[in-house]
Amino acid sequence: MQSMSLNLRSKIPLIVIAALLGMGGLITLLRSITVISTGEIGIVDFYGQVSEQPLTPGVHLKNPTARMVTFSTQTREFKETLQTPTKEGLMLNVDISVLYRIDPAKAKQLYQTVGMNYEEIVLVPQVRSLMRSATANFESKTIYTSDRQALAQQLRENLNKALSDRGIIIEDALIRNVKLPDSVEKSVQEKLKAEQDAQRMKFVLERERQEADRKRIEAQGNADAQRILSQGLSEQALRFKQIEAMQQLAASQNSKVIIVGGDQKAPVLLQP
């Protein structure tokens, strides 16, 4: 009995070692498996040696001691509010949104040259700088009204030129709001109201002109009809029409005796 107890105690360290080895192997296996979610790509960094191809969504095996970093490839929104000058030197408060995404083919380059905080290092400064450069080409009143879309398009094109080589693709740039200085905004609003009133008056005058043309044409038509009628009603024609009317009255079933004044020489008496 004593010998069995001694044998059991001698085997305990082996069991512990085997358990530790098994646990270590399990941990190593788990660290060798990585999962890339949908809308992401993975970059494997093994002590400064970056994998050539990014890992696509799915399950992958990697060196358990390597570092795994992921980039989102989905469209993201960056919002910014900044003061920016106009062509005439006025300062505007502009709210903008920039929609962008990472180019998977250039994710390695972006990681190596910029790092994970690329938005703060590259995107934000470029948006601020290029936005101020873009608004300097426009007048404040046109940014507030007609040129907002042109300003957004110019900003998007300039951002793509500056950031596409780094692996950042600008999908769209949106001007959400433009706040002018109070005095300028008031004058712009007054000008817009004046233009609207002018357009409204132009419409009213055009409508009145069309109505006057219609009445003039109608009056001319009536005058032409009267002239043609007066030219066609001669003495003989009137006399003929009178005779026709009397004959029709005489032929009526209800008529008995009809006396009609003639040419003032003698009355005409018709009997059925």
Protein backbone atom coordinates (compact mmCIF):
# COMPACT_ATOMS: atom_id res chain seq x y z
CA MET A 1 0.00 0.00 0.00
CA GLN A 2 2.83 2.33 0.93
CA SER A 3 4.64 1.55 -2.36
CA MET A 4 1.51 2.42 -4.38
CA SER A 5 1.23 5.77 -2.62
CA LEU A 6 4.88 6.52 -3.38
CA ASN A 7 4.39 5.64 -7.05
CA LEU A 8 1.33 7.95 -7.26
CA ARG A 9 3.24 10.83 -5.69
CA SER A 10 6.10 10.34 -8.12
CA LYS A 11 3.72 10.54 -11.12
CA ILE A 12 2.01 13.79 -10.04
CA PRO A 13 4.74 16.07 -11.45
CA LEU A 14 4.52 14.29 -14.78
CA ILE A 15 0.76 14.75 -14.88
CA VAL A 16 1.12 18.44 -14.07
CA ILE A 17 3.75 18.86 -16.74
CA ALA A 18 1.58 17.08 -19.31
CA ALA A 19 -1.40 19.26 -18.38
CA LEU A 20 0.67 22.41 -18.68
CA LEU A 21 2.06 21.27 -22.02
CA GLY A 22 -1.44 20.48 -23.25
CA MET A 23 -2.73 23.84 -22.09
CA GLY A 24 0.21 25.58 -23.70
CA GLY A 25 -0.42 23.73 -26.93
CA LEU A 26 -4.09 24.72 -26.84
CA ILE A 27 -3.21 28.36 -26.25
CA THR A 28 -0.68 28.24 -29.08
CA LEU A 29 -3.28 26.72 -31.38
CA LEU A 30 -5.82 29.36 -30.46
CA ARG A 31 -3.28 32.13 -31.02
CA SER A 32 -2.48 30.64 -34.41
CA ILE A 33 -6.10 30.99 -35.54
CA THR A 34 -7.44 34.42 -36.48
CA VAL A 35 -10.84 35.44 -37.80
CA ILE A 36 -11.27 38.42 -40.12
CA SER A 37 -14.81 39.80 -40.00
CA THR A 38 -16.87 40.97 -42.97
CA GLY A 39 -15.91 44.48 -44.00
CA GLU A 40 -12.34 44.14 -42.71
CA ILE A 41 -8.90 43.12 -43.92
CA GLY A 42 -6.04 41.87 -41.77
CA ILE A 43 -2.35 42.79 -41.78
CA VAL A 44 0.10 40.36 -40.15
CA ASP A 45 3.08 42.11 -38.51
CA PHE A 46 5.83 39.68 -37.43
CA TYR A 47 8.35 41.85 -35.62
CA GLY A 48 8.38 44.46 -38.41
CA GLN A 49 7.94 42.04 -41.29
CA VAL A 50 4.53 42.83 -42.77
CA SER A 51 2.65 40.24 -44.81
CA GLU A 52 2.57 40.97 -48.52
CA GLN A 53 -1.11 40.20 -48.99
CA PRO A 54 -3.78 41.32 -46.53
CA LEU A 55 -6.03 38.66 -45.04
CA THR A 56 -9.55 38.66 -46.41
CA PRO A 57 -12.67 37.94 -44.31
CA GLY A 58 -12.69 34.39 -42.98
CA VAL A 59 -10.60 32.03 -40.76
CA HIS A 60 -6.80 32.05 -41.18
CA LEU A 61 -3.73 30.48 -39.60
CA LYS A 62 -0.84 32.72 -38.60
CA ASN A 63 2.32 32.69 -36.54
CA PRO A 64 1.15 32.75 -32.91
CA THR A 65 3.74 35.37 -32.00
CA ALA A 66 2.86 37.71 -34.88
CA ARG A 67 0.75 40.81 -34.36
CA MET A 68 -2.57 41.07 -36.19
CA VAL A 69 -4.01 44.48 -37.12
CA THR A 70 -7.27 45.03 -38.98
CA PHE A 71 -8.52 47.83 -41.20
CA SER A 72 -12.18 48.49 -41.96
CA THR A 73 -12.90 48.56 -45.69
CA GLN A 74 -16.45 49.80 -45.23
CA THR A 75 -17.51 53.36 -46.02
CA ARG A 76 -16.93 55.66 -43.06
CA GLU A 77 -18.00 59.24 -42.39
CA PHE A 78 -15.77 62.01 -41.12
CA LYS A 79 -17.52 65.19 -39.93
CA GLU A 80 -15.88 68.55 -39.47
CA THR A 81 -16.94 72.12 -38.68
CA LEU A 82 -14.42 74.80 -39.51
CA GLN A 83 -13.99 78.46 -40.28
CA THR A 84 -12.87 79.08 -43.82
CA PRO A 85 -12.25 82.23 -45.90
CA THR A 86 -14.09 83.24 -49.06
CA LYS A 87 -12.88 85.01 -52.20
CA GLU A 88 -13.69 88.43 -50.74
CA GLY A 89 -11.99 87.60 -47.44
CA LEU A 90 -15.05 86.87 -45.28
CA MET A 91 -14.95 83.99 -42.79
CA LEU A 92 -17.65 81.33 -43.01
CA ASN A 93 -18.59 78.54 -40.63
CA VAL A 94 -18.98 75.40 -42.77
CA ASP A 95 -20.21 71.95 -41.71
CA ILE A 96 -18.91 69.19 -43.99
CA SER A 97 -19.06 65.40 -44.17
CA VAL A 98 -16.50 63.30 -46.00
CA LEU A 99 -17.35 59.71 -46.96
CA TYR A 100 -14.25 57.56 -47.45
CA ARG A 101 -12.97 53.99 -47.39
CA ILE A 102 -9.64 52.13 -47.38
CA ASP A 103 -8.30 50.63 -50.59
CA PRO A 104 -7.53 46.98 -49.67
CA ALA A 105 -4.71 46.81 -52.22
CA LYS A 106 -2.89 49.67 -50.44
CA ALA A 107 -3.67 48.74 -46.83
CA LYS A 108 -0.13 47.45 -46.27
CA GLN A 109 1.37 50.70 -47.55
CA LEU A 110 -0.98 52.75 -45.36
CA TYR A 111 -0.03 50.69 -42.31
CA GLN A 112 3.69 51.00 -42.97
CA THR A 113 3.78 54.70 -43.86
CA VAL A 114 1.05 56.15 -41.64
CA GLY A 115 -0.21 53.58 -39.16
CA MET A 116 -3.56 52.86 -37.62
CA ASN A 117 -4.37 56.48 -36.70
CA TYR A 118 -4.35 57.57 -40.35
CA GLU A 119 -7.51 59.64 -39.91
CA GLU A 120 -5.91 62.05 -37.44
CA ILE A 121 -2.53 62.12 -39.22
CA VAL A 122 -3.57 62.35 -42.88
CA LEU A 123 -7.31 62.75 -43.45
CA VAL A 124 -8.19 65.53 -41.02
CA PRO A 125 -5.34 67.92 -41.98
CA GLN A 126 -5.99 67.42 -45.70
CA VAL A 127 -9.72 68.07 -45.33
CA ARG A 128 -9.11 71.28 -43.41
CA SER A 129 -6.41 72.56 -45.74
CA LEU A 130 -8.15 71.72 -49.02
CA MET A 131 -11.50 73.03 -47.77
CA ARG A 132 -9.96 76.42 -47.01
CA SER A 133 -8.24 76.44 -50.40
CA ALA A 134 -11.50 75.58 -52.17
CA THR A 135 -13.69 78.22 -50.50
CA ALA A 136 -11.10 80.91 -51.33
CA ASN A 137 -12.15 80.52 -54.99
CA PHE A 138 -15.83 81.29 -54.34
CA GLU A 139 -17.76 84.33 -53.16
CA SER A 140 -19.73 84.00 -49.95
CA LYS A 141 -23.13 84.60 -51.54
CA THR A 142 -22.58 81.87 -54.17
CA ILE A 143 -21.36 79.36 -51.58
CA TYR A 144 -24.55 80.08 -49.66
CA THR A 145 -26.75 79.59 -52.73
CA SER A 146 -25.73 78.32 -56.18
CA ASP A 147 -22.13 77.11 -55.88
CA ARG A 148 -22.44 74.76 -52.93
CA GLN A 149 -22.46 71.66 -55.14
CA ALA A 150 -19.51 72.94 -57.17
CA LEU A 151 -17.56 73.55 -53.96
CA ALA A 152 -18.28 70.02 -52.72
CA GLN A 153 -17.20 68.52 -56.05
CA GLN A 154 -13.95 70.48 -56.03
CA LEU A 155 -13.22 69.36 -52.47
CA ARG A 156 -13.85 65.70 -53.36
CA GLU A 157 -11.58 65.84 -56.41
CA ASN A 158 -8.76 67.55 -54.51
CA LEU A 159 -8.99 65.08 -51.62
CA ASN A 160 -8.78 62.12 -53.98
CA LYS A 161 -5.70 63.59 -55.65
CA ALA A 162 -4.04 64.03 -52.26
CA LEU A 163 -5.06 60.76 -50.58
CA SER A 164 -5.63 58.07 -53.22
CA ASP A 165 -1.91 57.21 -53.40
CA ARG A 166 -1.92 56.60 -49.66
CA GLY A 167 -4.80 54.14 -49.94
CA ILE A 168 -7.70 56.38 -48.88
CA ILE A 169 -10.54 56.66 -51.40
CA ILE A 170 -12.89 59.64 -51.06
CA GLU A 171 -16.39 58.63 -52.15
CA ASP A 172 -18.13 61.94 -51.54
CA ALA A 173 -17.81 65.32 -49.86
CA LEU A 174 -20.99 66.99 -48.62
CA ILE A 175 -21.57 70.58 -47.52
CA ARG A 176 -24.13 70.17 -44.76
CA ASN A 177 -24.48 73.78 -43.68
CA VAL A 178 -23.01 77.21 -44.40
CA LYS A 179 -23.23 80.00 -41.85
CA LEU A 180 -22.51 83.50 -43.15
CA PRO A 181 -21.78 86.56 -41.02
CA ASP A 182 -25.10 88.03 -39.88
CA SER A 183 -24.82 91.19 -41.98
CA VAL A 184 -23.92 89.25 -45.13
CA GLU A 185 -26.63 86.66 -44.56
CA LYS A 186 -29.23 89.42 -44.20
CA SER A 187 -28.16 91.08 -47.45
CA VAL A 188 -28.17 87.74 -49.29
CA GLN A 189 -31.65 86.95 -47.99
CA GLU A 190 -32.88 90.37 -49.11
CA LYS A 191 -31.39 89.88 -52.55
CA LEU A 192 -32.98 86.45 -52.88
CA LYS A 193 -36.34 87.90 -51.86
CA ALA A 194 -35.98 90.72 -54.39
CA GLU A 195 -35.17 88.23 -57.15
CA GLN A 196 -38.18 86.11 -56.18
CA ASP A 197 -40.43 89.20 -56.21
CA ALA A 198 -39.08 90.17 -59.63
CA GLN A 199 -39.78 86.71 -60.98
CA ARG A 200 -43.27 86.80 -59.51
CA MET A 201 -43.98 90.23 -61.06
CA LYS A 202 -42.64 89.05 -64.39
CA PHE A 203 -45.07 86.13 -64.27
CA VAL A 204 -48.00 88.44 -63.40
CA LEU A 205 -47.13 90.85 -66.22
CA GLU A 206 -46.82 88.02 -68.70
CA ARG A 207 -50.20 86.66 -67.65
CA GLU A 208 -51.79 90.12 -68.01
CA ARG A 209 -50.19 90.57 -71.42
CA GLN A 210 -51.61 87.26 -72.61
CA GLU A 211 -55.06 88.21 -71.31
CA ALA A 212 -54.87 91.59 -73.09
CA ASP A 213 -53.85 89.85 -76.32
CA ARG A 214 -56.80 87.49 -75.94
CA LYS A 215 -59.28 90.36 -75.45
CA ARG A 216 -57.81 92.32 -78.36
CA ILE A 217 -58.10 89.30 -80.65
CA GLU A 218 -61.66 88.68 -79.46
CA ALA A 219 -62.64 92.32 -80.03
CA GLN A 220 -61.04 92.31 -83.48
CA GLY A 221 -62.96 89.17 -84.35
CA ASN A 222 -66.27 90.74 -83.31
CA ALA A 223 -65.48 93.88 -85.28
CA ASP A 224 -64.63 91.86 -88.37
CA ALA A 225 -67.87 89.88 -88.00
CA GLN A 226 -69.95 93.06 -87.74
CA ARG A 227 -68.24 94.58 -90.76
CA ILE A 228 -68.81 91.47 -92.87
CA LEU A 229 -72.43 91.27 -91.74
CA SER A 230 -73.15 94.92 -92.49
CA GLN A 231 -71.61 94.63 -95.95
CA GLY A 232 -73.68 91.59 -96.80
CA LEU A 233 -77.13 92.93 -95.66
CA SER A 234 -78.34 94.97 -98.67
CA GLU A 235 -81.94 96.30 -99.14
CA GLN A 236 -82.85 93.42 -101.41
CA ALA A 237 -81.37 90.84 -99.03
CA LEU A 238 -83.28 92.23 -96.06
CA ARG A 239 -86.51 92.22 -98.08
CA PHE A 240 -85.92 88.62 -99.14
CA LYS A 241 -85.27 87.53 -95.52
CA GLN A 242 -88.48 89.30 -94.44
CA ILE A 243 -90.53 87.43 -97.03
CA GLU A 244 -89.00 84.11 -95.99
CA ALA A 245 -89.85 84.79 -92.32
CA MET A 246 -93.46 85.67 -93.19
CA GLN A 247 -93.88 82.54 -95.28
CA GLN A 248 -92.62 80.37 -92.42
CA LEU A 249 -95.04 82.04 -90.02
CA ALA A 250 -97.91 81.64 -92.45
CA ALA A 251 -97.20 77.93 -92.84
CA SER A 252 -97.41 77.39 -89.10
CA GLN A 253 -100.35 75.26 -87.92
CA ASN A 254 -101.23 77.74 -85.18
CA SER A 255 -101.32 80.83 -87.44
CA LYS A 256 -104.65 82.14 -88.71
CA VAL A 257 -104.14 85.65 -89.96
CA ILE A 258 -100.77 87.44 -90.05
CA ILE A 259 -100.56 91.14 -90.92
CA VAL A 260 -97.09 92.48 -91.43
CA GLY A 261 -96.08 96.00 -92.40
CA GLY A 262 -94.47 96.07 -95.80
CA ASP A 263 -92.61 98.89 -97.44
CA GLN A 264 -94.95 101.46 -95.89
CA LYS A 265 -96.94 101.63 -99.17
CA ALA A 266 -99.40 98.83 -98.47
CA PRO A 267 -99.74 96.26 -95.71
CA VAL A 268 -99.27 92.61 -96.52
CA LEU A 269 -102.03 90.20 -95.48
CA LEU A 270 -101.33 86.49 -95.46
CA GLN A 271 -103.94 83.85 -94.72
CA PRO A 272 -103.30 80.14 -94.31
